């Protein structure tokens, strides 16, 4: 289960979502700079970043789960939130995707919906 809490320091609002679909994405954001020397030799430099981008896909969410998420977003949008993932890792994150324009698709099975959420943040040891 994915748990989102706001505000980060002393949570007063919590929403819990079911486990995401396997194959969820997590990647480190490391920009690469390419520089050319005077003799034309190319050098690449990778800036190490502590930030990660996390993408979770949820299938078959109930309408009540979506309503709870949208209520959470009304208060937490733009702020740092605490996220506990399905492996009990704690993250300090912000929404990377615009949650107000999240596309959720209706899969036709008793009102279930599919949803993709994207976060950017750091893992807290």
N, C-alpha and C. Protein backbone atom coordinates (compact mmCIF):
# COMPACT_ATOMS: atom_id res chain seq x y z
N UNK A 1 0.82 -1.17 0.00
CA UNK A 1 0.00 0.00 0.00
C UNK A 1 0.88 1.25 0.00
N UNK A 2 0.39 2.28 -0.61
CA UNK A 2 1.07 3.56 -0.65
C UNK A 2 0.33 4.51 0.29
N UNK A 3 1.06 5.11 1.22
CA UNK A 3 0.46 6.05 2.16
C UNK A 3 1.04 7.43 1.91
N UNK A 4 0.16 8.41 1.72
CA UNK A 4 0.56 9.81 1.55
C UNK A 4 0.09 10.58 2.77
N UNK A 5 1.01 11.39 3.34
CA UNK A 5 0.69 12.17 4.53
C UNK A 5 1.10 13.62 4.34
N UNK A 6 0.27 14.53 4.86
CA UNK A 6 0.53 15.96 4.77
C UNK A 6 0.07 16.63 6.04
N UNK A 7 0.74 17.67 6.53
CA UNK A 7 2.05 18.15 6.10
C UNK A 7 3.15 17.17 6.50
N UNK A 8 4.33 17.38 5.96
CA UNK A 8 5.41 16.40 6.13
C UNK A 8 5.82 16.26 7.60
N UNK A 9 6.03 17.40 8.28
CA UNK A 9 6.59 17.37 9.63
C UNK A 9 5.63 16.77 10.66
N UNK A 10 4.38 17.18 10.64
CA UNK A 10 3.39 16.70 11.60
C UNK A 10 2.10 16.38 10.85
N UNK A 11 2.01 15.20 10.26
CA UNK A 11 0.87 14.87 9.40
C UNK A 11 -0.48 14.97 10.11
N UNK A 12 -1.41 15.64 9.44
CA UNK A 12 -2.78 15.71 9.93
C UNK A 12 -3.76 15.10 8.92
N UNK A 13 -3.29 14.88 7.70
CA UNK A 13 -4.13 14.34 6.64
C UNK A 13 -3.41 13.16 6.01
N UNK A 14 -4.11 12.04 5.89
CA UNK A 14 -3.51 10.82 5.35
C UNK A 14 -4.46 10.19 4.34
N UNK A 15 -3.88 9.70 3.25
CA UNK A 15 -4.65 8.92 2.27
C UNK A 15 -3.85 7.67 1.95
N UNK A 16 -4.54 6.55 1.84
CA UNK A 16 -3.90 5.27 1.55
C UNK A 16 -4.43 4.75 0.22
N UNK A 17 -3.50 4.37 -0.65
CA UNK A 17 -3.85 3.81 -1.95
C UNK A 17 -3.38 2.36 -2.00
N UNK A 18 -4.01 1.52 -2.81
CA UNK A 18 -3.56 0.12 -2.91
C UNK A 18 -2.19 0.03 -3.57
N UNK A 19 -1.63 -1.15 -3.52
CA UNK A 19 -0.32 -1.36 -4.16
C UNK A 19 -0.39 -1.04 -5.65
N UNK A 20 0.66 -0.41 -6.17
CA UNK A 20 0.68 -0.12 -7.61
C UNK A 20 0.93 -1.38 -8.42
N UNK A 21 0.72 -1.26 -9.71
CA UNK A 21 0.98 -2.36 -10.63
C UNK A 21 2.49 -2.63 -10.65
N UNK A 22 2.87 -3.90 -10.72
CA UNK A 22 4.29 -4.23 -10.81
C UNK A 22 4.89 -3.59 -12.05
N UNK A 23 6.16 -3.19 -11.95
CA UNK A 23 6.79 -2.51 -13.06
C UNK A 23 6.76 -1.01 -12.86
N UNK A 24 6.45 -0.59 -11.62
CA UNK A 24 6.44 0.83 -11.33
C UNK A 24 7.84 1.39 -11.58
N UNK A 25 7.91 2.64 -11.92
CA UNK A 25 9.18 3.22 -12.30
C UNK A 25 9.79 4.05 -11.21
N UNK A 26 11.09 3.92 -11.09
CA UNK A 26 11.84 4.78 -10.19
C UNK A 26 13.16 5.06 -10.88
N UNK A 27 13.52 6.31 -11.00
CA UNK A 27 14.76 6.65 -11.67
C UNK A 27 15.43 7.84 -11.00
N UNK A 28 16.72 7.85 -11.06
CA UNK A 28 17.48 8.97 -10.50
C UNK A 28 17.61 10.04 -11.56
N UNK A 29 17.47 11.27 -11.16
CA UNK A 29 17.56 12.39 -12.08
C UNK A 29 19.01 12.88 -12.10
N UNK A 30 19.75 12.51 -13.14
CA UNK A 30 21.15 12.90 -13.26
C UNK A 30 21.37 13.56 -14.62
N UNK A 31 21.41 14.88 -14.66
CA UNK A 31 21.67 15.53 -15.94
C UNK A 31 23.11 15.30 -16.40
N UNK A 32 23.28 15.25 -17.71
CA UNK A 32 24.60 15.04 -18.30
C UNK A 32 25.00 16.29 -19.08
N UNK A 33 26.22 16.78 -18.81
CA UNK A 33 26.77 17.91 -19.55
C UNK A 33 27.82 17.41 -20.52
N UNK A 34 27.75 17.86 -21.76
CA UNK A 34 28.76 17.50 -22.75
C UNK A 34 29.56 18.74 -23.08
N UNK A 35 30.88 18.64 -22.92
CA UNK A 35 31.78 19.77 -23.18
C UNK A 35 32.79 19.37 -24.26
N UNK A 36 33.15 20.32 -25.08
CA UNK A 36 34.17 20.08 -26.10
C UNK A 36 35.46 20.82 -25.73
N UNK A 37 36.58 20.08 -25.80
CA UNK A 37 37.88 20.70 -25.56
C UNK A 37 38.28 21.48 -26.82
N UNK A 38 39.33 22.28 -26.71
CA UNK A 38 39.78 23.07 -27.85
C UNK A 38 40.24 22.20 -29.02
N UNK A 39 40.71 20.98 -28.69
CA UNK A 39 41.14 20.09 -29.77
C UNK A 39 39.99 19.27 -30.35
N UNK A 40 38.76 19.51 -29.90
CA UNK A 40 37.59 18.83 -30.43
C UNK A 40 37.19 17.57 -29.68
N UNK A 41 37.94 17.21 -28.64
CA UNK A 41 37.60 16.02 -27.86
C UNK A 41 36.36 16.31 -27.01
N UNK A 42 35.43 15.38 -27.05
CA UNK A 42 34.20 15.54 -26.27
C UNK A 42 34.37 14.91 -24.89
N UNK A 43 33.94 15.61 -23.86
CA UNK A 43 33.96 15.13 -22.49
C UNK A 43 32.54 15.21 -21.94
N UNK A 44 32.15 14.18 -21.21
CA UNK A 44 30.83 14.20 -20.59
C UNK A 44 30.98 14.21 -19.08
N UNK A 45 30.15 14.98 -18.43
CA UNK A 45 30.14 15.08 -16.98
C UNK A 45 28.72 14.81 -16.50
N UNK A 46 28.63 13.93 -15.53
CA UNK A 46 27.32 13.60 -14.99
C UNK A 46 27.22 14.20 -13.59
N UNK A 47 26.21 15.04 -13.40
CA UNK A 47 25.98 15.64 -12.09
C UNK A 47 25.16 14.66 -11.26
N UNK A 48 25.72 14.24 -10.13
CA UNK A 48 25.02 13.30 -9.27
C UNK A 48 23.90 14.03 -8.53
N UNK A 49 22.75 13.40 -8.49
CA UNK A 49 21.59 13.99 -7.83
C UNK A 49 21.05 13.03 -6.79
N UNK A 50 20.57 13.57 -5.70
CA UNK A 50 19.96 12.72 -4.68
C UNK A 50 18.46 12.56 -4.92
N UNK A 51 17.93 13.26 -5.92
CA UNK A 51 16.50 13.23 -6.20
C UNK A 51 16.15 12.08 -7.14
N UNK A 52 15.01 11.51 -6.91
CA UNK A 52 14.50 10.43 -7.75
C UNK A 52 13.13 10.80 -8.27
N UNK A 53 12.79 10.24 -9.42
CA UNK A 53 11.45 10.40 -9.99
C UNK A 53 10.77 9.04 -9.85
N UNK A 54 9.58 9.04 -9.26
CA UNK A 54 8.85 7.81 -8.98
C UNK A 54 7.52 7.86 -9.72
N UNK A 55 7.23 6.83 -10.48
CA UNK A 55 5.98 6.76 -11.24
C UNK A 55 5.25 5.50 -10.80
N UNK A 56 4.02 5.69 -10.30
CA UNK A 56 3.19 4.57 -9.88
C UNK A 56 1.94 4.51 -10.74
N UNK A 57 1.61 3.31 -11.19
CA UNK A 57 0.38 3.08 -11.95
C UNK A 57 -0.55 2.25 -11.08
N UNK A 58 -1.75 2.75 -10.90
CA UNK A 58 -2.76 2.04 -10.11
C UNK A 58 -3.87 1.58 -11.04
N UNK A 59 -4.24 0.31 -10.95
CA UNK A 59 -5.34 -0.24 -11.73
C UNK A 59 -6.49 -0.59 -10.80
N UNK A 60 -7.68 -0.46 -11.31
CA UNK A 60 -8.90 -0.85 -10.60
C UNK A 60 -9.07 -0.11 -9.28
N UNK A 61 -8.87 1.20 -9.30
CA UNK A 61 -9.16 2.03 -8.12
C UNK A 61 -10.66 2.25 -8.03
N UNK A 62 -11.17 2.19 -6.83
CA UNK A 62 -12.58 2.48 -6.61
C UNK A 62 -12.78 4.00 -6.65
N UNK A 63 -13.99 4.41 -6.92
CA UNK A 63 -14.30 5.84 -6.95
C UNK A 63 -14.04 6.48 -5.59
N UNK A 64 -14.25 5.75 -4.50
CA UNK A 64 -13.98 6.31 -3.17
C UNK A 64 -12.50 6.60 -2.97
N UNK A 65 -11.63 5.73 -3.52
CA UNK A 65 -10.18 5.99 -3.45
C UNK A 65 -9.82 7.27 -4.19
N UNK A 66 -10.41 7.46 -5.37
CA UNK A 66 -10.15 8.68 -6.14
C UNK A 66 -10.68 9.91 -5.41
N UNK A 67 -11.84 9.81 -4.82
CA UNK A 67 -12.40 10.94 -4.06
C UNK A 67 -11.50 11.30 -2.89
N UNK A 68 -10.99 10.29 -2.17
CA UNK A 68 -10.08 10.54 -1.05
C UNK A 68 -8.79 11.20 -1.53
N UNK A 69 -8.27 10.74 -2.67
CA UNK A 69 -7.06 11.33 -3.23
C UNK A 69 -7.27 12.79 -3.61
N UNK A 70 -8.38 13.10 -4.27
CA UNK A 70 -8.65 14.48 -4.68
C UNK A 70 -8.88 15.39 -3.48
N UNK A 71 -9.47 14.88 -2.41
CA UNK A 71 -9.62 15.66 -1.18
C UNK A 71 -8.25 15.95 -0.58
N UNK A 72 -7.36 14.94 -0.61
CA UNK A 72 -5.99 15.12 -0.13
C UNK A 72 -5.26 16.18 -0.95
N UNK A 73 -5.43 16.13 -2.28
CA UNK A 73 -4.75 17.07 -3.17
C UNK A 73 -5.19 18.51 -2.96
N UNK A 74 -6.43 18.72 -2.59
CA UNK A 74 -6.91 20.08 -2.36
C UNK A 74 -6.10 20.78 -1.29
N UNK A 75 -5.63 20.05 -0.28
CA UNK A 75 -4.85 20.65 0.80
C UNK A 75 -3.34 20.56 0.56
N UNK A 76 -2.89 19.45 -0.01
CA UNK A 76 -1.45 19.17 -0.09
C UNK A 76 -0.79 19.61 -1.38
N UNK A 77 -1.55 20.09 -2.34
CA UNK A 77 -0.98 20.43 -3.64
C UNK A 77 0.10 21.49 -3.52
N UNK A 78 1.28 21.20 -4.06
CA UNK A 78 2.40 22.13 -4.05
C UNK A 78 3.29 22.04 -2.83
N UNK A 79 2.88 21.32 -1.82
CA UNK A 79 3.68 21.18 -0.61
C UNK A 79 4.45 19.86 -0.62
N UNK A 80 5.42 19.78 0.28
CA UNK A 80 6.17 18.54 0.46
C UNK A 80 5.29 17.59 1.27
N UNK A 81 5.22 16.35 0.81
CA UNK A 81 4.43 15.34 1.51
C UNK A 81 5.31 14.15 1.86
N UNK A 82 4.83 13.38 2.82
CA UNK A 82 5.54 12.16 3.23
C UNK A 82 4.85 10.99 2.55
N UNK A 83 5.64 10.17 1.87
CA UNK A 83 5.10 9.01 1.19
C UNK A 83 5.79 7.76 1.72
N UNK A 84 5.00 6.78 2.12
CA UNK A 84 5.53 5.47 2.52
C UNK A 84 5.09 4.49 1.45
N UNK A 85 6.09 3.87 0.79
CA UNK A 85 5.76 2.98 -0.32
C UNK A 85 5.48 1.57 0.16
N UNK A 86 5.22 0.67 -0.78
CA UNK A 86 4.85 -0.71 -0.49
C UNK A 86 5.97 -1.51 0.16
N UNK A 87 7.23 -1.01 0.09
CA UNK A 87 8.36 -1.66 0.75
C UNK A 87 8.70 -1.01 2.08
N UNK A 88 7.83 -0.14 2.58
CA UNK A 88 8.01 0.59 3.84
C UNK A 88 9.15 1.61 3.77
N UNK A 89 9.56 2.01 2.57
CA UNK A 89 10.53 3.09 2.42
C UNK A 89 9.79 4.42 2.59
N UNK A 90 10.43 5.35 3.30
CA UNK A 90 9.82 6.66 3.51
C UNK A 90 10.47 7.66 2.57
N UNK A 91 9.64 8.45 1.90
CA UNK A 91 10.10 9.43 0.92
C UNK A 91 9.58 10.82 1.28
N UNK A 92 10.36 11.82 0.98
CA UNK A 92 9.95 13.22 1.08
C UNK A 92 9.77 13.68 -0.37
N UNK A 93 8.51 13.86 -0.80
CA UNK A 93 8.22 14.05 -2.22
C UNK A 93 7.28 15.23 -2.47
N UNK A 94 7.23 15.60 -3.74
CA UNK A 94 6.23 16.51 -4.29
C UNK A 94 5.64 15.82 -5.52
N UNK A 95 4.44 16.23 -5.89
CA UNK A 95 3.86 15.71 -7.12
C UNK A 95 4.62 16.30 -8.30
N UNK A 96 5.10 15.43 -9.20
CA UNK A 96 5.82 15.89 -10.39
C UNK A 96 4.85 16.12 -11.54
N UNK A 97 3.78 15.35 -11.56
CA UNK A 97 2.76 15.56 -12.58
C UNK A 97 1.73 16.52 -12.00
N UNK A 98 1.02 17.20 -12.87
CA UNK A 98 -0.02 18.11 -12.42
C UNK A 98 -1.22 17.27 -12.00
N UNK A 99 -1.46 17.13 -10.70
CA UNK A 99 -2.52 16.24 -10.25
C UNK A 99 -3.91 16.68 -10.69
N UNK A 100 -4.09 17.96 -10.97
CA UNK A 100 -5.41 18.42 -11.38
C UNK A 100 -5.74 17.99 -12.80
N UNK A 101 -4.71 17.60 -13.57
CA UNK A 101 -4.96 17.16 -14.94
C UNK A 101 -4.64 15.68 -15.12
N UNK A 102 -4.65 14.94 -14.02
CA UNK A 102 -4.39 13.50 -14.09
C UNK A 102 -5.49 12.83 -14.88
N UNK A 103 -5.09 12.06 -15.87
CA UNK A 103 -6.06 11.30 -16.65
C UNK A 103 -6.31 9.98 -15.94
N UNK A 104 -7.55 9.73 -15.65
CA UNK A 104 -7.88 8.41 -15.14
C UNK A 104 -8.89 7.82 -16.12
N UNK A 105 -8.62 6.59 -16.46
CA UNK A 105 -9.44 5.94 -17.47
C UNK A 105 -10.39 4.96 -16.81
N UNK A 106 -11.56 4.88 -17.35
CA UNK A 106 -12.60 3.98 -16.86
C UNK A 106 -12.42 2.65 -17.58
N UNK A 107 -12.26 1.57 -16.81
CA UNK A 107 -12.03 0.29 -17.48
C UNK A 107 -13.29 -0.54 -17.67
N UNK A 108 -14.46 0.01 -17.28
CA UNK A 108 -15.72 -0.66 -17.54
C UNK A 108 -16.09 -1.76 -16.55
N UNK A 109 -15.28 -1.99 -15.53
CA UNK A 109 -15.57 -3.05 -14.56
C UNK A 109 -16.10 -2.46 -13.26
N UNK A 110 -17.37 -2.29 -13.18
CA UNK A 110 -18.03 -1.88 -11.94
C UNK A 110 -17.50 -0.55 -11.39
N UNK A 111 -17.17 0.37 -12.22
CA UNK A 111 -16.75 1.69 -11.76
C UNK A 111 -15.30 1.79 -11.35
N UNK A 112 -14.47 0.82 -11.65
CA UNK A 112 -13.05 0.90 -11.32
C UNK A 112 -12.34 1.82 -12.30
N UNK A 113 -11.28 2.45 -11.84
CA UNK A 113 -10.54 3.38 -12.69
C UNK A 113 -9.04 3.11 -12.59
N UNK A 114 -8.31 3.52 -13.62
CA UNK A 114 -6.86 3.40 -13.65
C UNK A 114 -6.26 4.79 -13.50
N UNK A 115 -5.11 4.88 -12.84
CA UNK A 115 -4.52 6.18 -12.51
C UNK A 115 -3.00 6.07 -12.51
N UNK A 116 -2.31 7.12 -13.00
CA UNK A 116 -0.85 7.19 -12.96
C UNK A 116 -0.47 8.43 -12.16
N UNK A 117 0.36 8.23 -11.12
CA UNK A 117 0.86 9.34 -10.31
C UNK A 117 2.37 9.40 -10.44
N UNK A 118 2.89 10.62 -10.52
CA UNK A 118 4.33 10.82 -10.67
C UNK A 118 4.82 11.73 -9.55
N UNK A 119 5.87 11.29 -8.86
CA UNK A 119 6.44 12.04 -7.74
C UNK A 119 7.90 12.34 -8.01
N UNK A 120 8.43 13.35 -7.32
CA UNK A 120 9.85 13.66 -7.37
C UNK A 120 10.28 13.98 -5.94
N UNK A 121 11.36 13.32 -5.47
CA UNK A 121 11.80 13.57 -4.10
C UNK A 121 12.99 12.72 -3.71
N UNK A 122 13.21 12.67 -2.40
CA UNK A 122 14.36 11.92 -1.88
C UNK A 122 13.88 10.89 -0.88
N UNK A 123 14.63 9.79 -0.82
CA UNK A 123 14.31 8.74 0.14
C UNK A 123 14.97 9.10 1.47
N UNK A 124 14.21 8.96 2.55
CA UNK A 124 14.71 9.26 3.88
C UNK A 124 15.25 7.97 4.49
N UNK A 125 16.51 7.98 4.90
CA UNK A 125 17.09 6.74 5.48
C UNK A 125 16.51 6.39 6.82
